[in-house]
PDB file of N, CA and C in Angstrom:
ATOM      1  N   MET A   1       1.273  -1.354   0.332  1.00  0.00           N
ATOM      2  CA  MET A   1      -0.135   0.068  -0.034  1.00  0.00           C
ATOM      3  C   MET A   1       1.017   1.008  -0.067  1.00  0.00           C
ATOM      4  N   TRP A   2       0.633   2.087  -0.922  1.00  0.00           N
ATOM      5  CA  TRP A   2       1.256   3.350  -1.120  1.00  0.00           C
ATOM      6  C   TRP A   2       1.106   4.409   0.215  1.00  0.00           C
ATOM      7  N   CYS A   3       0.236   4.336   1.116  1.00  0.00           N
ATOM      8  CA  CYS A   3      -0.102   5.360   2.371  1.00  0.00           C
ATOM      9  C   CYS A   3      -0.119   4.688   3.232  1.00  0.00           C
ATOM     10  N   ARG A   4       0.502   5.455   4.144  1.00  0.00           N
ATOM     11  CA  ARG A   4       0.460   5.062   5.873  1.00  0.00           C
ATOM     12  C   ARG A   4      -0.603   5.083   6.383  1.00  0.00           C
ATOM     13  N   VAL A   5      -1.067   3.527   7.119  1.00  0.00           N
ATOM     14  CA  VAL A   5      -2.288   3.532   7.764  1.00  0.00           C
ATOM     15  C   VAL A   5      -3.210   5.013   8.631  1.00  0.00           C
ATOM     16  N   ALA A   6      -2.494   5.621   9.162  1.00  0.00           N
ATOM     17  CA  ALA A   6      -2.606   7.007   9.717  1.00  0.00           C
ATOM     18  C   ALA A   6      -3.388   7.778   8.816  1.00  0.00           C
ATOM     19  N   ARG A   7      -2.750   7.932   8.083  1.00  0.00           N
ATOM     20  CA  ARG A   7      -3.163   9.061   6.338  1.00  0.00           C
ATOM     21  C   ARG A   7      -4.181   8.307   5.929  1.00  0.00           C
ATOM     22  N   CYS A   8      -4.531   7.139   5.799  1.00  0.00           N
ATOM     23  CA  CYS A   8      -5.801   6.569   4.845  1.00  0.00           C
ATOM     24  C   CYS A   8      -6.905   6.502   5.801  1.00  0.00           C
ATOM     25  N   ARG A   9      -6.696   6.639   7.081  1.00  0.00           N
ATOM     26  CA  ARG A   9      -8.087   6.989   7.904  1.00  0.00           C
ATOM     27  C   ARG A   9      -8.148   8.514   7.697  1.00  0.00           C
ATOM     28  N   ASP A  10      -7.999   9.334   7.521  1.00  0.00           N
ATOM     29  CA  ASP A  10      -8.159  10.626   7.444  1.00  0.00           C
ATOM     30  C   ASP A  10      -8.059  11.174   6.423  1.00  0.00           C
ATOM     31  N   ALA A  11      -8.365  10.085   5.288  1.00  0.00           N
ATOM     32  CA  ALA A  11      -8.524  10.836   3.534  1.00  0.00           C
ATOM     33  C   ALA A  11      -9.984  11.578   3.762  1.00  0.00           C
ATOM     34  N   GLY A  12     -10.648  11.691   4.166  1.00  0.00           N
ATOM     35  CA  GLY A  12     -12.117  12.246   3.927  1.00  0.00           C
ATOM     36  C   GLY A  12     -12.327  13.195   4.818  1.00  0.00           C
ATOM     37  N   MET A  13     -11.286  13.817   5.519  1.00  0.00           N
ATOM     38  CA  MET A  13     -11.827  14.689   6.638  1.00  0.00           C
ATOM     39  C   MET A  13     -11.629  16.029   6.268  1.00  0.00           C
ATOM     40  N   VAL A  14     -11.309  16.275   5.440  1.00  0.00           N
ATOM     41  CA  VAL A  14     -10.849  17.614   4.895  1.00  0.00           C
ATOM     42  C   VAL A  14     -12.175  17.977   4.193  1.00  0.00           C
ATOM     43  N   THR A  15     -12.776  17.307   3.258  1.00  0.00           N
ATOM     44  CA  THR A  15     -14.273  17.713   3.093  1.00  0.00           C
ATOM     45  C   THR A  15     -14.708  17.850   4.102  1.00  0.00           C
ATOM     46  N   SER A  16     -14.853  17.451   4.834  1.00  0.00           N
ATOM     47  CA  SER A  16     -16.166  16.912   6.073  1.00  0.00           C
ATOM     48  C   SER A  16     -15.983  18.492   6.937  1.00  0.00           C
ATOM     49  N   GLU A  17     -14.457  18.871   7.215  1.00  0.00           N
ATOM     50  CA  GLU A  17     -14.209  20.063   7.635  1.00  0.00           C
ATOM     51  C   GLU A  17     -14.563  20.848   7.093  1.00  0.00           C
ATOM     52  N   TYR A  18     -14.633  21.352   5.739  1.00  0.00           N
ATOM     53  CA  TYR A  18     -14.832  22.219   4.696  1.00  0.00           C
ATOM     54  C   TYR A  18     -16.260  22.699   5.039  1.00  0.00           C
ATOM     55  N   ALA A  19     -17.294  21.398   4.852  1.00  0.00           N
ATOM     56  CA  ALA A  19     -18.491  21.399   4.762  1.00  0.00           C
ATOM     57  C   ALA A  19     -18.886  21.886   6.433  1.00  0.00           C
ATOM     58  N   MET A  20     -18.700  21.511   7.215  1.00  0.00           N
ATOM     59  CA  MET A  20     -18.802  21.591   8.421  1.00  0.00           C
ATOM     60  C   MET A  20     -18.568  23.619   8.769  1.00  0.00           C
ATOM     61  N   GLY A  21     -17.288  23.761   8.503  1.00  0.00           N
ATOM     62  CA  GLY A  21     -17.290  25.321   8.118  1.00  0.00           C
ATOM     63  C   GLY A  21     -18.017  25.775   7.626  1.00  0.00           C
ATOM     64  N   ILE A  22     -18.530  25.749   6.202  1.00  0.00           N
ATOM     65  CA  ILE A  22     -19.435  26.015   5.703  1.00  0.00           C
ATOM     66  C   ILE A  22     -20.650  26.266   6.107  1.00  0.00           C
ATOM     67  N   VAL A  23     -21.101  25.203   6.667  1.00  0.00           N
ATOM     68  CA  VAL A  23     -22.559  25.561   7.100  1.00  0.00           C
ATOM     69  C   VAL A  23     -22.181  26.678   8.634  1.00  0.00           C
ATOM     70  N   ALA A  24     -21.525  26.441   9.153  1.00  0.00           N
ATOM     71  CA  ALA A  24     -21.158  27.445  10.290  1.00  0.00           C
ATOM     72  C   ALA A  24     -21.338  28.755   9.900  1.00  0.00           C
ATOM     73  N   ALA A  25     -20.299  28.926   8.937  1.00  0.00           N
ATOM     74  CA  ALA A  25     -20.321  30.134   8.516  1.00  0.00           C
ATOM     75  C   ALA A  25     -21.705  30.834   7.741  1.00  0.00           C
ATOM     76  N   VAL A  26     -22.577  29.982   6.829  1.00  0.00           N
ATOM     77  CA  VAL A  26     -24.124  30.553   6.851  1.00  0.00           C
ATOM     78  C   VAL A  26     -24.540  30.558   7.861  1.00  0.00           C
ATOM     79  N   GLY A  27     -24.805  29.947   8.969  1.00  0.00           N
ATOM     80  CA  GLY A  27     -25.839  29.736   9.772  1.00  0.00           C
ATOM     81  C   GLY A  27     -25.350  31.359  10.930  1.00  0.00           C
ATOM     82  N   PHE A  28     -23.781  31.573  11.097  1.00  0.00           N
ATOM     83  CA  PHE A  28     -23.779  33.165  11.294  1.00  0.00           C
ATOM     84  C   PHE A  28     -23.903  34.324  10.679  1.00  0.00           C
ATOM     85  N   ALA A  29     -24.081  33.848   9.236  1.00  0.00           N
ATOM     86  CA  ALA A  29     -24.193  34.948   8.155  1.00  0.00           C
ATOM     87  C   ALA A  29     -25.755  35.233   8.439  1.00  0.00           C
ATOM     88  N   LEU A  30     -26.860  34.008   8.495  1.00  0.00           N
ATOM     89  CA  LEU A  30     -28.131  34.222   8.758  1.00  0.00           C
ATOM     90  C   LEU A  30     -28.290  34.928  10.176  1.00  0.00           C
ATOM     91  N   LEU A  31     -27.829  34.731  11.093  1.00  0.00           N
ATOM     92  CA  LEU A  31     -27.860  35.211  12.303  1.00  0.00           C
ATOM     93  C   LEU A  31     -27.557  37.188  12.599  1.00  0.00           C
ATOM     94  N   LEU A  32     -26.548  37.059  11.403  1.00  0.00           N
ATOM     95  CA  LEU A  32     -26.037  38.635  11.501  1.00  0.00           C
ATOM     96  C   LEU A  32     -27.026  39.238  10.634  1.00  0.00           C
ATOM     97  N   TYR A  33     -27.277  38.613   9.552  1.00  0.00           N
ATOM     98  CA  TYR A  33     -28.665  39.665   8.616  1.00  0.00           C
ATOM     99  C   TYR A  33     -29.774  39.406   9.695  1.00  0.00           C
ATOM    100  N   GLU A  34     -30.290  38.548  10.295  1.00  0.00           N
ATOM    101  CA  GLU A  34     -31.409  38.815  11.097  1.00  0.00           C
ATOM    102  C   GLU A  34     -31.174  40.132  12.095  1.00  0.00           C
ATOM    103  N   VAL A  35     -29.873  40.123  12.507  1.00  0.00           N
ATOM    104  CA  VAL A  35     -29.672  41.549  13.701  1.00  0.00           C
ATOM    105  C   VAL A  35     -29.698  42.578  12.636  1.00  0.00           C
ATOM    106  N   VAL A  36     -28.791  42.519  12.168  1.00  0.00           N
ATOM    107  CA  VAL A  36     -28.436  44.080  11.207  1.00  0.00           C
ATOM    108  C   VAL A  36     -30.146  44.733  10.848  1.00  0.00           C
ATOM    109  N   THR A  37     -30.907  43.536   9.936  1.00  0.00           N
ATOM    110  CA  THR A  37     -32.074  43.910   9.590  1.00  0.00           C
ATOM    111  C   THR A  37     -33.048  44.447  10.490  1.00  0.00           C
ATOM    112  N   SER A  38     -32.848  43.840  12.199  1.00  0.00           N
ATOM    113  CA  SER A  38     -34.007  44.090  12.699  1.00  0.00           C
ATOM    114  C   SER A  38     -34.314  45.566  12.914  1.00  0.00           C
ATOM    115  N   GLY A  39     -35.805  46.062  13.203  1.00  0.00           N
ATOM    116  CA  GLY A  39     -35.814  47.870  13.376  1.00  0.00           C
ATOM    117  C   GLY A  39     -35.129  48.543  13.988  1.00  0.00           C
ATOM    118  N   GLN A  40     -34.943  47.881  15.545  1.00  0.00           N
ATOM    119  CA  GLN A  40     -33.750  48.979  16.087  1.00  0.00           C
ATOM    120  C   GLN A  40     -32.211  49.261  15.463  1.00  0.00           C
ATOM    121  N   VAL A  41     -32.141  48.154  15.495  1.00  0.00           N
ATOM    122  CA  VAL A  41     -30.155  48.164  14.766  1.00  0.00           C
ATOM    123  C   VAL A  41     -30.022  48.729  13.392  1.00  0.00           C
ATOM    124  N   ARG A  42     -31.648  48.609  12.402  1.00  0.00           N
ATOM    125  CA  ARG A  42     -31.785  49.463  11.311  1.00  0.00           C
ATOM    126  C   ARG A  42     -31.652  50.661  11.754  1.00  0.00           C
ATOM    127  N   ALA A  43     -32.324  51.323  12.525  1.00  0.00           N
ATOM    128  CA  ALA A  43     -32.664  52.795  12.753  1.00  0.00           C
ATOM    129  C   ALA A  43     -31.687  53.517  12.806  1.00  0.00           C
ATOM    130  N   GLU A  44     -30.833  52.396  14.031  1.00  0.00           N
ATOM    131  CA  GLU A  44     -29.349  52.882  14.656  1.00  0.00           C
ATOM    132  C   GLU A  44     -28.311  53.109  13.304  1.00  0.00           C
ATOM    133  N   LEU A  45     -28.168  52.125  12.587  1.00  0.00           N
ATOM    134  CA  LEU A  45     -27.139  52.062  11.288  1.00  0.00           C
ATOM    135  C   LEU A  45     -27.747  53.582  10.608  1.00  0.00           C
ATOM    136  N   GLN A  46     -28.807  53.717  10.006  1.00  0.00           N
ATOM    137  CA  GLN A  46     -29.271  54.931   9.349  1.00  0.00           C
ATOM    138  C   GLN A  46     -29.054  56.462  10.120  1.00  0.00           C
ATOM    139  N   ALA A  47     -28.883  56.277  11.257  1.00  0.00           N
ATOM    140  CA  ALA A  47     -28.801  57.258  11.894  1.00  0.00           C
ATOM    141  C   ALA A  47     -27.175  57.982  11.764  1.00  0.00           C
ATOM    142  N   ILE A  48     -26.524  56.724  12.108  1.00  0.00           N
ATOM    143  CA  ILE A  48     -24.935  56.656  12.077  1.00  0.00           C
ATOM    144  C   ILE A  48     -24.697  57.250  10.682  1.00  0.00           C
ATOM    145  N   VAL A  49     -25.366  56.691   9.513  1.00  0.00           N
ATOM    146  CA  VAL A  49     -24.769  56.990   8.390  1.00  0.00           C
ATOM    147  C   VAL A  49     -25.204  58.846   7.647  1.00  0.00           C
ATOM    148  N   LYS A  50     -26.386  59.020   8.626  1.00  0.00           N
ATOM    149  CA  LYS A  50     -26.980  60.228   8.322  1.00  0.00           C
ATOM    150  C   LYS A  50     -26.062  61.525   8.958  1.00  0.00           C
ATOM    151  N   ARG A  51     -25.484  60.921   9.977  1.00  0.00           N
ATOM    152  CA  ARG A  51     -24.540  62.161  10.973  1.00  0.00           C
ATOM    153  C   ARG A  51     -23.263  61.878   9.968  1.00  0.00           C
ATOM    154  N   ALA A  52     -22.524  60.829   9.464  1.00  0.00           N
ATOM    155  CA  ALA A  52     -21.623  60.536   9.294  1.00  0.00           C
ATOM    156  C   ALA A  52     -21.708  61.383   7.669  1.00  0.00           C
ATOM    157  N   LEU A  53     -22.971  61.408   6.914  1.00  0.00           N
ATOM    158  CA  LEU A  53     -23.162  62.404   5.462  1.00  0.00           C
ATOM    159  C   LEU A  53     -23.613  63.533   5.923  1.00  0.00           C
ATOM    160  N   SER A  54     -23.767  64.072   6.888  1.00  0.00           N
ATOM    161  CA  SER A  54     -24.097  65.291   7.297  1.00  0.00           C
ATOM    162  C   SER A  54     -22.898  66.186   7.596  1.00  0.00           C
ATOM    163  N   ALA A  55     -21.588  65.580   8.460  1.00  0.00           N
ATOM    164  CA  ALA A  55     -20.718  66.366   9.147  1.00  0.00           C
ATOM    165  C   ALA A  55     -19.825  66.937   8.081  1.00  0.00           C
ATOM    166  N   ARG A  56     -19.631  68.028   8.512  1.00  0.00           N
ATOM    167  CA  ARG A  56     -18.716  69.100   7.879  1.00  0.00           C
ATOM    168  C   ARG A  56     -17.085  68.909   7.734  1.00  0.00           C
ATOM    169  N   MET A  57     -16.806  68.706   6.777  1.00  0.00           N
ATOM    170  CA  MET A  57     -15.439  68.588   6.771  1.00  0.00           C
ATOM    171  C   MET A  57     -14.580  70.122   6.691  1.00  0.00           C
TER     172      MET A  57
END
């Protein structure tokens, strides 16, 4: 056999780790989207942008 026993056992781990990372990232993105698009947070972000745009330079 061309590979060592320990190396052959972990042959599929990289793909599953990537899959779990993608699932976790999507879950975090959905949570962040829900927080940012909530009414109070949206109002605060709009107020910050309005203050930044109306500031004198």
